Amino acid sequence: MAWLQAAGVLCGGAAGAACRFALGLTLANGWLPWGILTANVLGCLLMGVLQGVMRRLDRPFVVGYCLLGTGFLGGFTTFSSFAVDTILLWHDGHGTLAGLNVALNLFLGVGAVGAGYGLAMRFPRRV
């Protein structure tokens, strides 16, 4: 079973990273790194939904979580790119935008997990 979990993480991570890359290219222009912010917030929302659904099912979905949670959403979201973008904004003299980037990623990300989890907890026990 461990090899199946590892394969799920590998495949999901590759797909998630490719989707983040495409999103970054699509939303590349702007005064904030919108692609990374969007990926992080959307990924947080989906992680909240996934966690809520797993709780509602009352059983772990190990291979599916490896594929979707650790794999896809882990590859889709990125802390390191967010951190680099923030430092670059600061270094380029945009301290206010750097602070806004931190605040938006933190508050919208945590809020999105809560919203996704709350939505999933409204699903019927049997999905």
N, C-alpha and C. Protein backbone atom coordinates (compact mmCIF):
# COMPACT_ATOMS: atom_id res chain seq x y z
N MET A 1 0.82 -1.20 0.00
CA MET A 1 0.00 0.00 0.00
C MET A 1 0.87 1.26 0.00
N ALA A 2 2.07 1.21 0.60
CA ALA A 2 2.93 2.38 0.65
C ALA A 2 3.33 2.84 -0.75
N TRP A 3 3.55 1.91 -1.66
CA TRP A 3 3.92 2.30 -3.02
C TRP A 3 2.76 2.99 -3.72
N LEU A 4 1.54 2.60 -3.40
CA LEU A 4 0.36 3.23 -3.99
C LEU A 4 0.21 4.66 -3.45
N GLN A 5 0.48 4.83 -2.16
CA GLN A 5 0.44 6.18 -1.58
C GLN A 5 1.51 7.07 -2.21
N ALA A 6 2.72 6.52 -2.35
CA ALA A 6 3.81 7.28 -2.96
C ALA A 6 3.47 7.66 -4.40
N ALA A 7 2.87 6.74 -5.14
CA ALA A 7 2.48 7.01 -6.52
C ALA A 7 1.41 8.12 -6.56
N GLY A 8 0.49 8.09 -5.59
CA GLY A 8 -0.52 9.13 -5.51
C GLY A 8 0.08 10.50 -5.26
N VAL A 9 1.03 10.57 -4.34
CA VAL A 9 1.71 11.85 -4.06
C VAL A 9 2.46 12.32 -5.30
N LEU A 10 3.16 11.42 -5.96
CA LEU A 10 3.94 11.76 -7.16
C LEU A 10 3.04 12.30 -8.27
N CYS A 11 2.02 11.56 -8.60
CA CYS A 11 1.13 11.97 -9.70
C CYS A 11 0.35 13.23 -9.35
N GLY A 12 -0.19 13.27 -8.14
CA GLY A 12 -0.93 14.45 -7.71
C GLY A 12 -0.05 15.69 -7.64
N GLY A 13 1.17 15.52 -7.12
CA GLY A 13 2.09 16.65 -7.02
C GLY A 13 2.47 17.21 -8.37
N ALA A 14 2.71 16.33 -9.33
CA ALA A 14 3.05 16.78 -10.68
C ALA A 14 1.89 17.56 -11.30
N ALA A 15 0.68 17.04 -11.15
CA ALA A 15 -0.49 17.72 -11.71
C ALA A 15 -0.73 19.06 -11.02
N GLY A 16 -0.60 19.08 -9.69
CA GLY A 16 -0.80 20.32 -8.94
C GLY A 16 0.21 21.39 -9.30
N ALA A 17 1.47 20.99 -9.42
CA ALA A 17 2.53 21.94 -9.78
C ALA A 17 2.32 22.48 -11.19
N ALA A 18 1.88 21.62 -12.11
CA ALA A 18 1.61 22.07 -13.48
C ALA A 18 0.45 23.07 -13.51
N CYS A 19 -0.57 22.80 -12.71
CA CYS A 19 -1.71 23.72 -12.65
C CYS A 19 -1.30 25.07 -12.04
N ARG A 20 -0.46 25.03 -11.00
CA ARG A 20 0.02 26.28 -10.40
C ARG A 20 0.86 27.07 -11.40
N PHE A 21 1.71 26.38 -12.15
CA PHE A 21 2.53 27.04 -13.17
C PHE A 21 1.65 27.73 -14.21
N ALA A 22 0.63 27.02 -14.68
CA ALA A 22 -0.29 27.59 -15.68
C ALA A 22 -1.04 28.79 -15.11
N LEU A 23 -1.49 28.68 -13.86
CA LEU A 23 -2.19 29.78 -13.21
C LEU A 23 -1.26 30.98 -13.06
N GLY A 24 -0.01 30.72 -12.70
CA GLY A 24 0.98 31.80 -12.57
C GLY A 24 1.22 32.53 -13.88
N LEU A 25 1.24 31.78 -14.98
CA LEU A 25 1.42 32.41 -16.29
C LEU A 25 0.19 33.24 -16.67
N THR A 26 -0.97 32.72 -16.34
CA THR A 26 -2.22 33.40 -16.68
C THR A 26 -2.39 34.71 -15.91
N LEU A 27 -1.99 34.69 -14.65
CA LEU A 27 -2.18 35.87 -13.79
C LEU A 27 -0.86 36.55 -13.47
N ALA A 28 0.08 36.55 -14.40
CA ALA A 28 1.43 37.05 -14.14
C ALA A 28 1.52 38.56 -14.00
N ASN A 29 0.72 39.29 -14.71
CA ASN A 29 0.85 40.75 -14.68
C ASN A 29 -0.01 41.35 -13.60
N GLY A 30 0.57 42.25 -12.85
CA GLY A 30 -0.17 42.92 -11.80
C GLY A 30 0.75 43.44 -10.73
N TRP A 31 0.16 44.16 -9.80
CA TRP A 31 0.95 44.78 -8.74
C TRP A 31 1.17 43.85 -7.56
N LEU A 32 0.52 42.71 -7.54
CA LEU A 32 0.77 41.65 -6.56
C LEU A 32 0.96 40.35 -7.33
N PRO A 33 1.62 39.38 -6.71
CA PRO A 33 1.75 38.06 -7.36
C PRO A 33 0.42 37.30 -7.30
N TRP A 34 -0.50 37.67 -8.16
CA TRP A 34 -1.87 37.14 -8.12
C TRP A 34 -1.94 35.64 -8.36
N GLY A 35 -1.07 35.11 -9.19
CA GLY A 35 -1.09 33.67 -9.47
C GLY A 35 -0.83 32.85 -8.22
N ILE A 36 0.20 33.23 -7.45
CA ILE A 36 0.54 32.50 -6.23
C ILE A 36 -0.55 32.70 -5.18
N LEU A 37 -1.03 33.94 -5.03
CA LEU A 37 -2.11 34.20 -4.06
C LEU A 37 -3.34 33.38 -4.41
N THR A 38 -3.72 33.35 -5.67
CA THR A 38 -4.90 32.59 -6.10
C THR A 38 -4.70 31.09 -5.86
N ALA A 39 -3.53 30.58 -6.21
CA ALA A 39 -3.25 29.16 -5.99
C ALA A 39 -3.31 28.82 -4.50
N ASN A 40 -2.73 29.66 -3.67
CA ASN A 40 -2.71 29.38 -2.23
C ASN A 40 -4.12 29.42 -1.63
N VAL A 41 -4.90 30.43 -1.98
CA VAL A 41 -6.25 30.56 -1.41
C VAL A 41 -7.17 29.46 -1.95
N LEU A 42 -7.13 29.22 -3.24
CA LEU A 42 -7.96 28.15 -3.82
C LEU A 42 -7.55 26.79 -3.27
N GLY A 43 -6.25 26.56 -3.15
CA GLY A 43 -5.76 25.31 -2.57
C GLY A 43 -6.20 25.14 -1.13
N CYS A 44 -6.21 26.23 -0.37
CA CYS A 44 -6.68 26.17 1.02
C CYS A 44 -8.16 25.84 1.08
N LEU A 45 -8.95 26.46 0.20
CA LEU A 45 -10.38 26.16 0.16
C LEU A 45 -10.61 24.68 -0.14
N LEU A 46 -9.92 24.17 -1.15
CA LEU A 46 -10.08 22.76 -1.52
C LEU A 46 -9.57 21.82 -0.43
N MET A 47 -8.52 22.20 0.28
CA MET A 47 -8.02 21.38 1.39
C MET A 47 -9.05 21.33 2.51
N GLY A 48 -9.71 22.46 2.77
CA GLY A 48 -10.78 22.48 3.76
C GLY A 48 -11.92 21.56 3.38
N VAL A 49 -12.32 21.60 2.11
CA VAL A 49 -13.38 20.72 1.63
C VAL A 49 -12.96 19.26 1.78
N LEU A 50 -11.74 18.95 1.37
CA LEU A 50 -11.25 17.57 1.46
C LEU A 50 -11.24 17.08 2.91
N GLN A 51 -10.76 17.91 3.82
CA GLN A 51 -10.74 17.52 5.23
C GLN A 51 -12.16 17.32 5.77
N GLY A 52 -13.06 18.22 5.40
CA GLY A 52 -14.44 18.10 5.85
C GLY A 52 -15.12 16.85 5.32
N VAL A 53 -14.91 16.55 4.06
CA VAL A 53 -15.50 15.35 3.46
C VAL A 53 -14.95 14.10 4.15
N MET A 54 -13.65 14.08 4.39
CA MET A 54 -13.07 12.91 5.06
C MET A 54 -13.65 12.75 6.47
N ARG A 55 -13.88 13.84 7.16
CA ARG A 55 -14.49 13.76 8.50
C ARG A 55 -15.93 13.26 8.42
N ARG A 56 -16.65 13.74 7.41
CA ARG A 56 -18.05 13.32 7.26
C ARG A 56 -18.14 11.84 6.93
N LEU A 57 -17.15 11.32 6.23
CA LEU A 57 -17.16 9.91 5.88
C LEU A 57 -16.76 9.02 7.06
N ASP A 58 -16.20 9.62 8.10
CA ASP A 58 -15.77 8.89 9.30
C ASP A 58 -14.76 7.78 9.00
N ARG A 59 -13.98 7.95 7.98
CA ARG A 59 -12.95 6.96 7.70
C ARG A 59 -11.86 7.64 6.86
N PRO A 60 -10.65 7.22 7.09
CA PRO A 60 -9.58 7.82 6.30
C PRO A 60 -9.61 7.29 4.86
N PHE A 61 -9.29 8.14 3.97
CA PHE A 61 -9.21 7.80 2.55
C PHE A 61 -7.75 8.01 2.15
N VAL A 62 -6.90 7.11 2.62
CA VAL A 62 -5.46 7.31 2.61
C VAL A 62 -4.91 7.55 1.21
N VAL A 63 -5.20 6.67 0.28
CA VAL A 63 -4.64 6.82 -1.07
C VAL A 63 -5.21 8.08 -1.73
N GLY A 64 -6.49 8.31 -1.56
CA GLY A 64 -7.10 9.51 -2.13
C GLY A 64 -6.54 10.78 -1.52
N TYR A 65 -6.28 10.76 -0.22
CA TYR A 65 -5.70 11.93 0.42
C TYR A 65 -4.27 12.15 -0.08
N CYS A 66 -3.53 11.07 -0.26
CA CYS A 66 -2.16 11.20 -0.79
C CYS A 66 -2.19 11.82 -2.18
N LEU A 67 -3.14 11.39 -3.01
CA LEU A 67 -3.26 11.92 -4.36
C LEU A 67 -3.73 13.37 -4.36
N LEU A 68 -4.83 13.64 -3.66
CA LEU A 68 -5.47 14.96 -3.71
C LEU A 68 -4.88 15.97 -2.72
N GLY A 69 -4.69 15.55 -1.47
CA GLY A 69 -4.23 16.47 -0.43
C GLY A 69 -2.74 16.72 -0.50
N THR A 70 -1.98 15.70 -0.12
CA THR A 70 -0.52 15.84 -0.10
C THR A 70 0.02 16.06 -1.50
N GLY A 71 -0.51 15.33 -2.49
CA GLY A 71 -0.02 15.42 -3.85
C GLY A 71 -0.47 16.68 -4.57
N PHE A 72 -1.72 16.67 -5.06
CA PHE A 72 -2.19 17.76 -5.90
C PHE A 72 -2.17 19.10 -5.18
N LEU A 73 -2.81 19.18 -4.01
CA LEU A 73 -2.88 20.47 -3.32
C LEU A 73 -1.53 20.89 -2.77
N GLY A 74 -0.70 19.92 -2.39
CA GLY A 74 0.66 20.25 -1.97
C GLY A 74 1.49 20.82 -3.10
N GLY A 75 1.29 20.29 -4.31
CA GLY A 75 1.99 20.81 -5.49
C GLY A 75 1.39 22.10 -6.01
N PHE A 76 0.09 22.28 -5.79
CA PHE A 76 -0.62 23.45 -6.29
C PHE A 76 -0.31 24.69 -5.45
N THR A 77 -0.30 24.54 -4.15
CA THR A 77 0.00 25.66 -3.27
C THR A 77 1.51 25.77 -3.07
N THR A 78 1.95 26.93 -2.65
CA THR A 78 3.40 27.10 -2.47
C THR A 78 3.70 28.18 -1.44
N PHE A 79 4.44 27.80 -0.43
CA PHE A 79 4.87 28.78 0.57
C PHE A 79 6.16 29.46 0.11
N SER A 80 7.04 28.72 -0.50
CA SER A 80 8.33 29.29 -0.88
C SER A 80 8.18 30.39 -1.93
N SER A 81 7.32 30.20 -2.92
CA SER A 81 7.12 31.24 -3.93
C SER A 81 6.47 32.48 -3.32
N PHE A 82 5.53 32.25 -2.41
CA PHE A 82 4.91 33.36 -1.69
C PHE A 82 5.97 34.15 -0.92
N ALA A 83 6.87 33.44 -0.23
CA ALA A 83 7.91 34.10 0.56
C ALA A 83 8.87 34.89 -0.34
N VAL A 84 9.28 34.29 -1.45
CA VAL A 84 10.19 34.98 -2.38
C VAL A 84 9.51 36.22 -2.96
N ASP A 85 8.27 36.08 -3.40
CA ASP A 85 7.55 37.23 -3.96
C ASP A 85 7.46 38.36 -2.94
N THR A 86 7.23 38.02 -1.69
CA THR A 86 7.12 39.02 -0.63
C THR A 86 8.46 39.74 -0.44
N ILE A 87 9.53 38.99 -0.37
CA ILE A 87 10.87 39.58 -0.20
C ILE A 87 11.22 40.47 -1.39
N LEU A 88 10.88 40.02 -2.60
CA LEU A 88 11.18 40.82 -3.78
C LEU A 88 10.39 42.12 -3.79
N LEU A 89 9.14 42.08 -3.38
CA LEU A 89 8.36 43.30 -3.27
C LEU A 89 9.02 44.26 -2.27
N TRP A 90 9.41 43.73 -1.13
CA TRP A 90 10.06 44.54 -0.10
C TRP A 90 11.38 45.14 -0.63
N HIS A 91 12.17 44.29 -1.24
CA HIS A 91 13.48 44.71 -1.75
C HIS A 91 13.34 45.79 -2.82
N ASP A 92 12.27 45.73 -3.61
CA ASP A 92 12.04 46.71 -4.68
C ASP A 92 11.38 47.99 -4.17
N GLY A 93 11.28 48.12 -2.84
CA GLY A 93 10.74 49.35 -2.26
C GLY A 93 9.23 49.39 -2.13
N HIS A 94 8.58 48.23 -2.23
CA HIS A 94 7.13 48.17 -2.12
C HIS A 94 6.73 47.50 -0.80
N GLY A 95 7.13 48.11 0.31
CA GLY A 95 6.87 47.54 1.63
C GLY A 95 5.40 47.36 1.92
N THR A 96 4.58 48.30 1.49
CA THR A 96 3.13 48.18 1.73
C THR A 96 2.56 46.98 0.98
N LEU A 97 2.99 46.82 -0.27
CA LEU A 97 2.51 45.67 -1.05
C LEU A 97 3.03 44.35 -0.47
N ALA A 98 4.26 44.35 0.04
CA ALA A 98 4.80 43.15 0.68
C ALA A 98 3.93 42.78 1.90
N GLY A 99 3.60 43.77 2.71
CA GLY A 99 2.74 43.52 3.87
C GLY A 99 1.35 43.07 3.46
N LEU A 100 0.81 43.68 2.41
CA LEU A 100 -0.50 43.27 1.90
C LEU A 100 -0.46 41.83 1.41
N ASN A 101 0.61 41.45 0.73
CA ASN A 101 0.77 40.09 0.24
C ASN A 101 0.76 39.09 1.40
N VAL A 102 1.49 39.41 2.46
CA VAL A 102 1.51 38.54 3.64
C VAL A 102 0.12 38.43 4.25
N ALA A 103 -0.52 39.58 4.45
CA ALA A 103 -1.84 39.59 5.08
C ALA A 103 -2.87 38.82 4.25
N LEU A 104 -2.88 39.04 2.94
CA LEU A 104 -3.85 38.36 2.08
C LEU A 104 -3.62 36.86 2.07
N ASN A 105 -2.37 36.42 1.93
CA ASN A 105 -2.10 34.98 1.93
C ASN A 105 -2.49 34.35 3.26
N LEU A 106 -2.15 34.99 4.35
CA LEU A 106 -2.44 34.42 5.66
C LEU A 106 -3.93 34.40 5.95
N PHE A 107 -4.57 35.56 5.90
CA PHE A 107 -5.97 35.64 6.30
C PHE A 107 -6.92 34.98 5.30
N LEU A 108 -6.69 35.20 4.02
CA LEU A 108 -7.56 34.55 3.03
C LEU A 108 -7.33 33.04 3.01
N GLY A 109 -6.08 32.61 3.19
CA GLY A 109 -5.79 31.18 3.22
C GLY A 109 -6.46 30.47 4.37
N VAL A 110 -6.29 31.00 5.57
CA VAL A 110 -6.92 30.38 6.74
C VAL A 110 -8.44 30.48 6.64
N GLY A 111 -8.93 31.61 6.17
CA GLY A 111 -10.37 31.77 5.99
C GLY A 111 -10.93 30.80 4.96
N ALA A 112 -10.17 30.56 3.90
CA ALA A 112 -10.62 29.63 2.85
C ALA A 112 -10.67 28.20 3.37
N VAL A 113 -9.69 27.80 4.18
CA VAL A 113 -9.74 26.46 4.78
C VAL A 113 -11.00 26.34 5.64
N GLY A 114 -11.26 27.34 6.45
CA GLY A 114 -12.46 27.32 7.30
C GLY A 114 -13.74 27.28 6.49
N ALA A 115 -13.80 28.05 5.43
CA ALA A 115 -14.99 28.06 4.58
C ALA A 115 -15.18 26.71 3.88
N GLY A 116 -14.11 26.16 3.34
CA GLY A 116 -14.20 24.86 2.68
C GLY A 116 -14.60 23.77 3.64
N TYR A 117 -14.02 23.78 4.82
CA TYR A 117 -14.35 22.78 5.84
C TYR A 117 -15.81 22.92 6.26
N GLY A 118 -16.25 24.15 6.47
CA GLY A 118 -17.64 24.39 6.84
C GLY A 118 -18.62 23.92 5.77
N LEU A 119 -18.28 24.17 4.52
CA LEU A 119 -19.13 23.71 3.41
C LEU A 119 -19.20 22.19 3.39
N ALA A 120 -18.07 21.55 3.53
CA ALA A 120 -18.04 20.09 3.47
C ALA A 120 -18.78 19.46 4.64
N MET A 121 -18.76 20.10 5.78
CA MET A 121 -19.45 19.55 6.94
C MET A 121 -20.97 19.64 6.79
N ARG A 122 -21.44 20.38 5.79
CA ARG A 122 -22.88 20.45 5.52
C ARG A 122 -23.35 19.33 4.62
N PHE A 123 -22.39 18.63 3.97
CA PHE A 123 -22.77 17.51 3.11
C PHE A 123 -23.42 16.42 3.95
N PRO A 124 -24.30 15.64 3.33
CA PRO A 124 -24.86 14.50 4.07
C PRO A 124 -23.76 13.54 4.49
N ARG A 125 -24.02 12.78 5.53
CA ARG A 125 -23.03 11.84 6.06
C ARG A 125 -22.52 10.90 4.97
N ARG A 126 -23.37 10.45 4.11
CA ARG A 126 -22.97 9.55 3.02
C ARG A 126 -22.85 10.37 1.75
N VAL A 127 -21.62 10.44 1.22
CA VAL A 127 -21.39 11.19 -0.01
C VAL A 127 -21.25 10.22 -1.15
